[in-house]
Amino acid sequence: MLEHNKRRLLILLGIAALVLFFYGIRSVFEGLAALIGQMPGLLVTLGRFSPATYAASALRQTLVGPVTSALLIDLAVIIGCTIVTFWLAARKMDWRQR
């Protein structure tokens, strides 16, 4: 039963991440700045934990401009998430497995 609940939670989080990702991509390629005030509260909260939000912000700044100091924060979050992801993946791999 616990595994089933974990699976459902992961599916819901995946769907939320996809919504945030496509919302960010849509706003970048349409030239719109996605204003936080226009998004529903749940998406704003989830967006702060999603690397896709920071990737979309960095892409928007570099393509549309203006480039601000927020770009450094976006890049730091993306690099940090990448390092943590690789570290977790390396930790889960069992290189000594026969």
Protein backbone atom coordinates (compact mmCIF):
# COMPACT_ATOMS: atom_id res chain seq x y z
CA MET A 1 0.00 0.00 0.00
CA LEU A 2 2.85 2.37 0.84
CA GLU A 3 4.54 1.70 -2.51
CA HIS A 4 1.29 2.51 -4.30
CA ASN A 5 1.05 5.87 -2.49
CA LYS A 6 4.68 6.66 -3.32
CA ARG A 7 4.04 5.87 -6.97
CA ARG A 8 0.96 8.12 -7.04
CA LEU A 9 2.91 10.96 -5.41
CA LEU A 10 5.75 10.61 -7.92
CA ILE A 11 3.27 10.65 -10.81
CA LEU A 12 1.60 13.81 -9.47
CA LEU A 13 4.96 15.51 -8.95
CA GLY A 14 5.99 14.53 -12.48
CA ILE A 15 2.82 16.01 -13.93
CA ALA A 16 3.33 19.23 -11.93
CA ALA A 17 6.93 19.46 -13.17
CA LEU A 18 5.79 19.00 -16.78
CA VAL A 19 3.16 21.72 -16.38
CA LEU A 20 5.76 24.09 -14.95
CA PHE A 21 8.25 23.19 -17.66
CA PHE A 22 5.84 23.73 -20.55
CA TYR A 23 4.46 26.90 -18.97
CA GLY A 24 8.02 28.25 -18.76
CA ILE A 25 8.93 27.17 -22.31
CA ARG A 26 5.73 28.66 -23.67
CA SER A 27 6.44 31.97 -21.98
CA VAL A 28 10.02 32.03 -23.28
CA PHE A 29 9.21 31.33 -26.90
CA GLU A 30 6.20 33.61 -26.98
CA GLY A 31 8.35 36.40 -25.59
CA LEU A 32 6.19 36.74 -22.50
CA ALA A 33 7.54 37.13 -19.02
CA ALA A 34 5.50 34.76 -16.87
CA LEU A 35 4.51 36.94 -13.96
CA ILE A 36 4.33 35.12 -10.67
CA GLY A 37 1.14 36.96 -9.80
CA GLN A 38 -0.65 35.41 -12.78
CA MET A 39 0.08 31.82 -11.77
CA PRO A 40 -2.09 29.87 -9.33
CA GLY A 41 -0.68 29.63 -5.80
CA LEU A 42 0.14 25.92 -6.03
CA LEU A 43 2.20 26.42 -9.19
CA VAL A 44 4.08 29.31 -7.60
CA THR A 45 5.01 27.12 -4.63
CA LEU A 46 5.99 24.16 -6.80
CA GLY A 47 7.86 26.42 -9.17
CA ARG A 48 10.25 27.53 -6.45
CA PHE A 49 11.37 23.90 -6.07
CA SER A 50 11.60 23.12 -9.78
CA PRO A 51 14.86 23.53 -11.67
CA ALA A 52 12.77 24.07 -14.81
CA THR A 53 11.64 27.44 -13.43
CA TYR A 54 15.22 28.60 -13.05
CA ALA A 55 16.19 27.19 -16.47
CA ALA A 56 13.30 29.07 -18.11
CA SER A 57 14.28 32.26 -16.30
CA ALA A 58 17.91 31.95 -17.41
CA LEU A 59 16.89 31.19 -20.99
CA ARG A 60 14.45 34.11 -21.00
CA GLN A 61 17.13 36.51 -19.77
CA THR A 62 19.70 35.40 -22.33
CA LEU A 63 17.31 35.35 -25.30
CA VAL A 64 14.98 38.24 -24.58
CA GLY A 65 16.92 40.26 -22.00
CA PRO A 66 17.75 42.16 -19.97
CA VAL A 67 20.47 40.11 -18.30
CA THR A 68 20.47 40.82 -14.57
CA SER A 69 22.15 39.42 -11.48
CA ALA A 70 19.22 36.99 -11.18
CA LEU A 71 20.91 35.03 -13.98
CA LEU A 72 23.70 34.10 -11.56
CA ILE A 73 21.13 32.79 -9.08
CA ASP A 74 19.40 30.81 -11.84
CA LEU A 75 22.70 29.28 -12.97
CA ALA A 76 23.71 28.49 -9.37
CA VAL A 77 20.43 26.65 -8.76
CA ILE A 78 20.74 24.71 -12.04
CA ILE A 79 24.36 23.75 -11.32
CA GLY A 80 23.49 22.83 -7.73
CA CYS A 81 20.61 20.60 -8.85
CA THR A 82 22.88 18.96 -11.42
CA ILE A 83 25.57 18.23 -8.82
CA VAL A 84 23.04 16.84 -6.34
CA THR A 85 21.42 14.68 -9.03
CA PHE A 86 24.75 13.22 -10.16
CA TRP A 87 25.81 12.65 -6.55
CA LEU A 88 22.55 10.82 -5.75
CA ALA A 89 22.81 8.74 -8.92
CA ALA A 90 26.42 7.79 -8.17
CA ARG A 91 25.48 6.90 -4.60
CA LYS A 92 22.65 4.63 -5.73
CA MET A 93 24.78 2.79 -8.28
CA ASP A 94 26.52 -0.29 -7.00
CA TRP A 95 29.75 -0.47 -8.97
CA ARG A 96 30.84 -3.60 -7.16
CA GLN A 97 27.82 -5.60 -8.18
CA ARG A 98 28.73 -8.92 -9.83
